[in-house]
N, C-alpha and C. Protein backbone atom coordinates (compact mmCIF):
# COMPACT_ATOMS: atom_id res chain seq x y z
N MET A 1 1.19 -0.75 -0.16
CA MET A 1 0.30 -0.32 0.10
C MET A 1 0.89 1.18 -0.02
N THR A 2 0.63 2.27 -0.64
CA THR A 2 1.45 3.53 -0.66
C THR A 2 0.95 4.95 0.10
N ARG A 3 1.93 4.98 1.17
CA ARG A 3 1.58 5.89 1.99
C ARG A 3 0.89 6.94 1.67
N ALA A 4 0.07 7.64 1.86
CA ALA A 4 -0.37 9.11 1.77
C ALA A 4 0.68 10.19 2.12
N SER A 5 0.58 11.31 0.96
CA SER A 5 1.27 12.52 1.85
C SER A 5 0.69 13.20 2.59
N TRP A 6 1.32 14.39 2.77
CA TRP A 6 0.87 15.26 3.87
C TRP A 6 -1.22 15.31 4.05
N ASP A 7 -1.03 15.93 2.44
CA ASP A 7 -2.09 16.56 2.15
C ASP A 7 -3.66 16.31 2.09
N GLU A 8 -2.86 15.13 1.85
CA GLU A 8 -3.76 13.69 1.44
C GLU A 8 -4.50 12.57 3.04
N TYR A 9 -3.34 13.03 3.58
CA TYR A 9 -3.88 12.55 5.58
C TYR A 9 -4.42 13.65 6.17
N PHE A 10 -3.74 14.85 5.81
CA PHE A 10 -4.40 16.00 6.52
C PHE A 10 -6.21 16.22 5.73
N MET A 11 -6.14 16.32 4.74
CA MET A 11 -7.84 16.57 4.15
C MET A 11 -8.24 14.83 4.61
N ARG A 12 -8.02 14.12 4.55
CA ARG A 12 -8.72 12.47 4.93
C ARG A 12 -9.76 13.01 6.69
N ILE A 13 -8.33 13.62 7.40
CA ILE A 13 -9.00 13.81 8.67
C ILE A 13 -10.21 15.31 8.65
N ALA A 14 -10.20 16.48 7.92
CA ALA A 14 -10.49 17.61 7.81
C ALA A 14 -12.30 16.41 7.00
N LEU A 15 -12.23 15.90 6.05
CA LEU A 15 -13.32 14.91 5.38
C LEU A 15 -14.43 14.51 7.17
N GLN A 16 -13.01 13.95 7.53
CA GLN A 16 -13.86 12.84 9.08
C GLN A 16 -14.71 13.96 9.89
N VAL A 17 -14.21 15.33 10.25
CA VAL A 17 -14.42 15.83 11.07
C VAL A 17 -15.69 16.89 10.38
N ALA A 18 -15.70 16.65 8.50
CA ALA A 18 -16.79 17.26 8.37
C ALA A 18 -18.57 16.69 8.74
N THR A 19 -18.03 15.28 9.65
CA THR A 19 -19.06 14.41 9.32
C THR A 19 -20.18 15.20 11.15
N ARG A 20 -19.26 16.14 11.78
CA ARG A 20 -19.85 16.27 12.61
C ARG A 20 -20.44 17.44 12.06
N ALA A 21 -20.34 17.78 11.23
CA ALA A 21 -21.49 19.05 10.11
C ALA A 21 -22.78 18.84 11.15
N THR A 22 -23.61 20.27 11.54
CA THR A 22 -25.01 19.95 11.58
C THR A 22 -25.83 21.11 10.74
N CYS A 23 -25.03 21.70 9.98
CA CYS A 23 -26.40 22.38 8.95
C CYS A 23 -25.87 21.42 7.51
N ASP A 24 -27.43 20.62 7.18
CA ASP A 24 -27.35 19.80 5.89
C ASP A 24 -27.08 20.45 4.99
N ARG A 25 -27.36 21.55 4.85
CA ARG A 25 -27.01 22.09 3.22
C ARG A 25 -25.72 22.21 3.04
N LYS A 26 -24.60 21.74 3.80
CA LYS A 26 -23.17 21.67 3.35
C LYS A 26 -22.64 20.93 4.55
N HIS A 27 -21.69 20.29 4.43
CA HIS A 27 -21.16 19.12 5.56
C HIS A 27 -19.69 19.90 5.48
N VAL A 28 -18.52 21.21 6.23
CA VAL A 28 -17.59 21.17 6.15
C VAL A 28 -16.98 21.12 7.24
N GLY A 29 -15.08 20.88 6.60
CA GLY A 29 -14.33 20.68 8.09
C GLY A 29 -13.35 21.22 7.24
N ALA A 30 -12.70 21.28 9.21
CA ALA A 30 -11.48 21.94 8.86
C ALA A 30 -10.33 21.15 9.77
N VAL A 31 -9.35 21.57 9.78
CA VAL A 31 -7.77 21.54 10.64
C VAL A 31 -7.17 22.38 10.34
N ILE A 32 -6.74 22.70 11.64
CA ILE A 32 -4.82 23.55 10.98
C ILE A 32 -4.41 22.84 11.74
N VAL A 33 -2.98 22.80 10.75
CA VAL A 33 -1.80 22.36 11.22
C VAL A 33 -0.70 23.07 10.88
N ARG A 34 0.45 22.76 12.28
CA ARG A 34 1.15 23.48 11.97
C ARG A 34 3.13 22.30 12.31
N ASP A 35 3.85 22.32 11.59
CA ASP A 35 4.94 21.45 11.37
C ASP A 35 3.97 20.05 11.38
N ARG A 36 2.94 19.90 11.17
CA ARG A 36 2.86 18.59 10.72
C ARG A 36 2.06 17.70 11.96
N PHE A 37 1.70 18.88 12.75
CA PHE A 37 0.88 18.70 14.25
C PHE A 37 -0.23 19.47 14.38
N ILE A 38 -1.54 19.20 14.56
CA ILE A 38 -3.09 19.47 14.38
C ILE A 38 -2.48 19.85 16.07
N LEU A 39 -3.30 21.45 15.58
CA LEU A 39 -3.26 22.43 16.29
C LEU A 39 -4.66 22.53 17.03
N SER A 40 -5.78 22.32 15.04
CA SER A 40 -7.22 22.67 15.94
C SER A 40 -8.17 21.92 14.92
N THR A 41 -9.53 22.02 15.22
CA THR A 41 -10.04 21.51 13.76
C THR A 41 -12.09 22.35 14.42
N GLY A 42 -12.24 22.67 12.78
CA GLY A 42 -13.55 22.74 13.18
C GLY A 42 -14.66 22.40 12.14
N TYR A 43 -16.06 22.07 12.18
CA TYR A 43 -16.62 21.78 11.67
C TYR A 43 -17.74 22.84 11.53
N ASN A 44 -18.73 23.02 10.59
CA ASN A 44 -19.99 23.83 10.65
C ASN A 44 -20.75 23.43 11.40
N GLY A 45 -21.12 24.72 12.50
CA GLY A 45 -22.38 24.53 13.47
C GLY A 45 -22.27 25.70 13.40
N SER A 46 -23.70 25.43 14.47
CA SER A 46 -24.08 26.73 15.55
C SER A 46 -23.13 26.96 16.93
N ILE A 47 -23.60 28.08 17.18
CA ILE A 47 -23.05 28.46 18.01
C ILE A 47 -23.34 28.08 19.28
N PRO A 48 -22.28 27.55 20.10
CA PRO A 48 -22.14 26.29 21.25
C PRO A 48 -22.88 26.11 22.07
N GLY A 49 -23.59 25.30 22.43
CA GLY A 49 -24.64 25.48 22.75
C GLY A 49 -26.14 26.35 22.59
N LEU A 50 -26.07 26.65 21.08
CA LEU A 50 -27.35 26.59 20.38
C LEU A 50 -27.79 25.15 20.20
N ALA A 51 -29.12 26.05 19.90
CA ALA A 51 -29.46 24.65 18.64
C ALA A 51 -29.21 25.47 17.18
N HIS A 52 -29.18 23.69 16.79
CA HIS A 52 -28.39 23.14 15.51
C HIS A 52 -29.52 23.25 14.05
N CYS A 53 -28.89 23.78 12.95
CA CYS A 53 -30.25 23.64 11.86
C CYS A 53 -30.60 22.42 11.99
N ASP A 54 -29.83 21.09 11.95
CA ASP A 54 -30.06 19.32 12.28
C ASP A 54 -31.52 19.91 12.93
N ASP A 55 -31.93 20.57 14.24
CA ASP A 55 -32.54 20.63 14.81
C ASP A 55 -33.81 20.89 14.84
N VAL A 56 -33.69 22.25 14.34
CA VAL A 56 -34.63 23.51 14.67
C VAL A 56 -34.91 24.00 13.37
N GLY A 57 -33.96 23.88 12.10
CA GLY A 57 -33.80 23.95 10.88
C GLY A 57 -33.27 25.39 10.70
N HIS A 58 -33.20 25.86 9.29
CA HIS A 58 -32.34 26.89 8.46
C HIS A 58 -32.77 27.90 8.99
N LEU A 59 -31.54 29.63 9.12
CA LEU A 59 -32.06 30.59 9.67
C LEU A 59 -31.62 31.02 9.03
N MET A 60 -32.10 31.20 7.27
CA MET A 60 -31.96 31.76 5.86
C MET A 60 -32.00 33.83 5.51
N GLU A 61 -30.74 33.67 5.22
CA GLU A 61 -31.18 34.75 4.52
C GLU A 61 -30.30 35.26 3.71
N ASP A 62 -30.22 35.53 2.40
CA ASP A 62 -30.13 35.85 0.97
C ASP A 62 -29.24 34.94 0.32
N GLY A 63 -30.16 33.51 1.08
CA GLY A 63 -30.08 32.31 0.01
C GLY A 63 -28.70 31.57 0.67
N HIS A 64 -28.72 32.29 2.38
CA HIS A 64 -27.41 31.78 2.65
C HIS A 64 -28.06 31.35 4.37
N CYS A 65 -27.67 29.94 4.68
CA CYS A 65 -28.22 29.58 6.69
C CYS A 65 -27.16 30.52 7.42
N VAL A 66 -28.01 31.42 8.25
CA VAL A 66 -26.65 32.31 8.60
C VAL A 66 -27.00 31.67 10.63
N ARG A 67 -27.28 30.67 10.33
CA ARG A 67 -27.03 29.97 12.15
C ARG A 67 -25.83 29.26 12.15
N THR A 68 -25.48 28.80 11.16
CA THR A 68 -24.02 28.32 11.12
C THR A 68 -22.87 28.77 11.83
N VAL A 69 -21.83 28.67 12.12
CA VAL A 69 -20.50 29.47 12.24
C VAL A 69 -19.77 28.46 10.99
N HIS A 70 -18.94 28.75 9.96
CA HIS A 70 -18.22 28.20 9.23
C HIS A 70 -17.28 27.32 10.03
N ALA A 71 -17.24 26.50 9.35
CA ALA A 71 -15.37 24.75 9.80
C ALA A 71 -14.61 25.88 10.50
N GLU A 72 -13.87 27.04 9.52
CA GLU A 72 -12.43 27.82 9.68
C GLU A 72 -12.89 28.97 10.28
N ALA A 73 -14.06 29.61 10.43
CA ALA A 73 -14.12 30.10 11.35
C ALA A 73 -14.35 29.61 13.26
N ASN A 74 -14.42 28.71 12.99
CA ASN A 74 -15.24 27.52 14.34
C ASN A 74 -13.58 26.80 14.53
N ALA A 75 -12.40 25.88 13.78
CA ALA A 75 -11.18 26.13 13.71
C ALA A 75 -10.67 27.01 14.38
N ILE A 76 -10.72 28.39 13.82
CA ILE A 76 -10.08 29.07 14.57
C ILE A 76 -10.40 29.81 16.14
N CYS A 77 -11.76 29.52 16.45
CA CYS A 77 -12.01 30.13 17.69
C CYS A 77 -11.95 28.63 18.61
N GLN A 78 -11.57 27.44 18.16
CA GLN A 78 -10.92 26.47 18.78
C GLN A 78 -9.52 27.15 18.67
N SER A 79 -8.66 27.26 18.29
CA SER A 79 -7.33 27.26 18.51
C SER A 79 -7.01 28.83 19.96
N ALA A 80 -8.00 29.93 19.54
CA ALA A 80 -7.89 30.64 20.05
C ALA A 80 -8.18 30.53 21.80
N ARG A 81 -8.99 29.47 22.37
CA ARG A 81 -9.69 29.23 23.39
C ARG A 81 -8.85 28.28 24.01
N ASN A 82 -8.01 27.38 23.18
CA ASN A 82 -7.33 27.07 23.55
C ASN A 82 -5.64 27.38 23.85
N GLY A 83 -5.50 28.45 23.35
CA GLY A 83 -4.08 29.16 23.10
C GLY A 83 -3.66 29.02 22.35
N ALA A 84 -3.49 27.79 20.85
CA ALA A 84 -2.73 27.69 20.09
C ALA A 84 -2.09 28.61 18.95
N ARG A 85 -1.27 28.83 19.11
CA ARG A 85 -0.93 29.92 18.35
C ARG A 85 -1.01 29.45 16.68
N ILE A 86 -1.88 30.50 15.54
CA ILE A 86 -2.24 29.61 14.73
C ILE A 86 -1.03 30.35 13.30
N GLU A 87 -0.40 30.90 13.46
CA GLU A 87 0.21 32.38 12.18
C GLU A 87 1.40 31.17 12.00
N GLY A 88 1.17 31.17 10.73
CA GLY A 88 2.37 30.31 9.90
C GLY A 88 1.81 29.40 9.08
N ALA A 89 0.36 28.75 9.87
CA ALA A 89 -0.26 27.13 10.01
C ALA A 89 -0.83 27.10 8.62
N THR A 90 -0.77 26.21 8.44
CA THR A 90 -1.68 25.24 7.13
C THR A 90 -3.30 25.46 7.28
N LEU A 91 -4.71 25.48 6.79
CA LEU A 91 -5.42 25.23 6.79
C LEU A 91 -5.89 24.02 5.68
N TYR A 92 -5.72 23.25 6.24
CA TYR A 92 -6.94 22.01 5.55
C TYR A 92 -8.37 21.98 5.27
N VAL A 93 -8.77 22.47 4.66
CA VAL A 93 -10.87 22.33 4.91
C VAL A 93 -11.67 21.61 3.42
N THR A 94 -12.04 21.46 3.43
CA THR A 94 -12.77 20.45 2.42
C THR A 94 -13.50 21.64 1.51
N ALA A 95 -14.48 22.37 1.54
CA ALA A 95 -14.58 23.00 0.66
C ALA A 95 -13.91 24.65 0.12
N SER A 96 -13.31 25.39 -0.49
CA SER A 96 -13.12 26.20 -0.22
C SER A 96 -13.27 28.14 0.11
N PRO A 97 -13.05 28.07 1.57
CA PRO A 97 -13.51 29.46 1.78
C PRO A 97 -14.43 30.25 1.87
N CYS A 98 -15.30 30.96 2.05
CA CYS A 98 -16.25 31.92 1.56
C CYS A 98 -14.85 32.98 1.77
N PHE A 99 -15.44 34.16 1.12
CA PHE A 99 -14.47 35.37 1.14
C PHE A 99 -14.64 35.84 2.89
N ASN A 100 -15.57 35.33 3.79
CA ASN A 100 -15.19 36.14 4.64
C ASN A 100 -14.32 35.86 5.72
N CYS A 101 -14.77 34.16 5.35
CA CYS A 101 -13.50 33.42 6.28
C CYS A 101 -12.14 33.04 5.34
N PHE A 102 -12.01 32.88 4.28
CA PHE A 102 -10.93 33.60 3.94
C PHE A 102 -10.19 34.32 4.41
N LYS A 103 -11.12 36.01 4.54
CA LYS A 103 -10.03 37.55 5.91
C LYS A 103 -10.16 36.91 6.97
N LEU A 104 -10.61 36.17 7.69
CA LEU A 104 -9.92 35.54 8.82
C LEU A 104 -8.98 34.57 9.36
N CYS A 105 -8.99 33.66 7.44
CA CYS A 105 -7.75 32.71 8.02
C CYS A 105 -6.57 34.00 8.01
N ALA A 106 -6.20 35.12 6.95
CA ALA A 106 -5.40 35.90 6.27
C ALA A 106 -5.07 36.79 7.89
N SER A 107 -6.03 37.32 8.20
CA SER A 107 -6.06 37.89 9.62
C SER A 107 -5.45 36.78 10.79
N ALA A 108 -5.43 35.85 10.41
CA ALA A 108 -5.27 35.02 12.16
C ALA A 108 -3.60 34.71 11.38
N GLY A 109 -3.17 35.09 10.82
CA GLY A 109 -1.82 34.68 9.44
C GLY A 109 -1.35 32.95 9.46
N ILE A 110 -2.52 32.62 8.91
CA ILE A 110 -2.73 31.05 8.54
C ILE A 110 -2.31 31.53 7.10
N SER A 111 -0.97 30.94 6.57
CA SER A 111 -0.24 31.17 5.74
C SER A 111 -0.23 30.27 4.41
N THR A 112 -0.91 29.10 4.30
CA THR A 112 -1.64 28.02 3.14
C THR A 112 -2.71 27.29 3.11
N ILE A 113 -3.58 27.21 2.52
CA ILE A 113 -4.60 26.71 1.79
C ILE A 113 -4.89 25.83 1.85
N VAL A 114 -5.41 24.54 2.48
CA VAL A 114 -5.32 23.21 0.76
C VAL A 114 -6.78 23.00 1.30
N TYR A 115 -7.59 23.43 -0.16
CA TYR A 115 -9.35 23.01 -0.22
C TYR A 115 -9.49 21.90 -1.09
N GLY A 116 -10.38 21.49 -0.84
CA GLY A 116 -11.65 20.37 -1.44
C GLY A 116 -11.95 21.24 -2.31
N GLU A 117 -13.42 21.02 -2.90
CA GLU A 117 -13.84 21.59 -3.25
C GLU A 117 -13.97 22.69 -3.49
N PHE A 118 -14.39 23.78 -4.83
CA PHE A 118 -14.12 24.72 -4.81
C PHE A 118 -15.71 25.46 -4.37
N TYR A 119 -15.70 26.55 -3.40
CA TYR A 119 -16.55 26.88 -3.42
C TYR A 119 -16.76 27.89 -3.32
N ARG A 120 -17.93 28.80 -4.64
CA ARG A 120 -17.60 29.83 -4.82
C ARG A 120 -17.69 31.37 -5.25
N ASP A 121 -16.94 31.59 -3.79
CA ASP A 121 -15.64 32.76 -3.91
C ASP A 121 -14.14 33.06 -4.79
N PRO A 122 -14.08 33.22 -5.75
CA PRO A 122 -13.35 33.46 -6.57
C PRO A 122 -11.58 34.46 -6.52
N ARG A 123 -12.67 35.57 -5.82
CA ARG A 123 -11.89 36.66 -5.34
C ARG A 123 -10.94 36.06 -4.06
N ILE A 124 -11.03 34.78 -3.28
CA ILE A 124 -10.07 34.75 -2.81
C ILE A 124 -8.51 34.41 -3.59
N PHE A 125 -8.73 33.84 -4.83
CA PHE A 125 -7.52 33.80 -5.48
C PHE A 125 -6.70 34.83 -5.51
N GLU A 126 -7.32 36.04 -5.92
CA GLU A 126 -6.59 37.01 -6.26
C GLU A 126 -6.03 38.31 -4.49
N PHE A 127 -6.89 37.40 -3.22
CA PHE A 127 -6.65 38.37 -2.79
C PHE A 127 -5.28 37.76 -2.01
N ALA A 128 -5.34 36.31 -2.22
CA ALA A 128 -4.94 35.59 -1.57
C ALA A 128 -3.42 35.34 -2.00
N GLN A 129 -2.94 35.66 -3.97
CA GLN A 129 -1.58 36.23 -4.42
C GLN A 129 -1.33 37.27 -3.65
N GLU A 130 -2.58 38.30 -3.33
CA GLU A 130 -1.26 39.60 -2.70
C GLU A 130 -1.14 39.58 -1.53
N ALA A 131 -1.58 39.02 -0.40
CA ALA A 131 -1.24 38.53 0.85
C ALA A 131 -0.56 37.35 0.84
N GLY A 132 0.02 36.99 0.03
CA GLY A 132 1.08 35.20 -0.09
C GLY A 132 0.55 35.21 0.68
N ILE A 133 -0.20 34.10 0.29
CA ILE A 133 -0.92 33.08 1.62
C ILE A 133 -0.82 32.02 0.36
N THR A 134 -0.34 30.90 0.35
CA THR A 134 -0.56 29.56 -0.65
C THR A 134 -1.84 29.30 -1.00
N LEU A 135 -2.51 28.78 -2.44
CA LEU A 135 -4.22 28.29 -2.11
C LEU A 135 -3.55 27.01 -2.95
N ARG A 136 -3.42 25.75 -2.41
CA ARG A 136 -3.19 24.48 -3.10
C ARG A 136 -4.56 23.63 -3.10
N HIS A 137 -5.74 23.01 -4.05
CA HIS A 137 -6.36 22.27 -4.10
C HIS A 137 -5.78 20.71 -4.11
N VAL A 138 -7.22 19.83 -3.54
CA VAL A 138 -5.99 19.05 -3.88
C VAL A 138 -7.85 18.15 -3.75
N ASP A 139 -8.32 17.51 -5.18
CA ASP A 139 -9.60 16.61 -5.49
C ASP A 139 -10.10 15.36 -4.49
N VAL A 140 -10.83 16.20 -3.67
CA VAL A 140 -11.10 14.62 -2.29
C VAL A 140 -12.08 14.27 -2.84
N ALA A 141 -12.09 13.83 -3.93
CA ALA A 141 -12.88 12.69 -4.65
C ALA A 141 -11.93 11.88 -5.03
N SER A 142 -10.69 11.80 -5.79
CA SER A 142 -9.92 10.63 -5.79
C SER A 142 -9.18 10.31 -4.41
N LEU A 143 -9.09 11.37 -3.26
CA LEU A 143 -8.24 9.95 -2.27
C LEU A 143 -9.14 8.94 -2.09
N ALA A 144 -7.82 7.34 -1.87
CA ALA A 144 -9.11 6.53 -2.01
C ALA A 144 -8.98 6.59 -0.16
N PRO A 145 -9.78 5.49 -0.07
CA PRO A 145 -10.67 5.61 0.86
C PRO A 145 -9.22 4.84 2.38
N THR A 146 -9.56 5.39 2.93
CA THR A 146 -7.80 4.87 4.40
C THR A 146 -8.62 3.08 4.67
N PRO A 147 -7.64 2.46 5.11
CA PRO A 147 -7.57 1.57 4.95
C PRO A 147 -8.14 1.05 6.16
N GLN A 148 -9.08 0.06 6.17
CA GLN A 148 -9.84 -0.68 6.99
C GLN A 148 -9.11 -2.00 8.09
N GLU A 149 -10.10 -1.69 9.21
CA GLU A 149 -9.12 -2.88 10.05
C GLU A 149 -9.93 -3.96 9.77
N PRO A 150 -9.38 -5.01 9.55
CA PRO A 150 -9.62 -6.88 9.51
C PRO A 150 -10.88 -6.77 10.41
N SER A 151 -12.63 -7.17 10.00
CA SER A 151 -13.32 -7.45 11.06
C SER A 151 -13.00 -9.18 12.28
């Protein structure tokens, strides 16, 4: 069996994190990594302690569900809550950041964003180049399933 690359490894973890998402409009997972160590994870879900879309429905504004906090923002918040410095880190996220999350990532000092599917906003490419942030795409559909333990 071929050993997974670091991008494949961390993207598979982000895909697993996405399974915790609580807004069925889109399940997104994020993992923040520095020096090949996981600093934090996040998935799209409601503010901690408040009702989730899966339980009470969506709160829609302009075609977007605003009940949830995006995966990238949740991963950044988890880092802050736990005192993990993320400057210079890499963000692995199953869908490219929306523009607001991209701005949070840039402001938090994330230097590389590795994303699965492209999601909505091409402005991230121009602003990433201007800000010196590396964007890399990993085709999540091509990731081989992780090996399973024998039953």
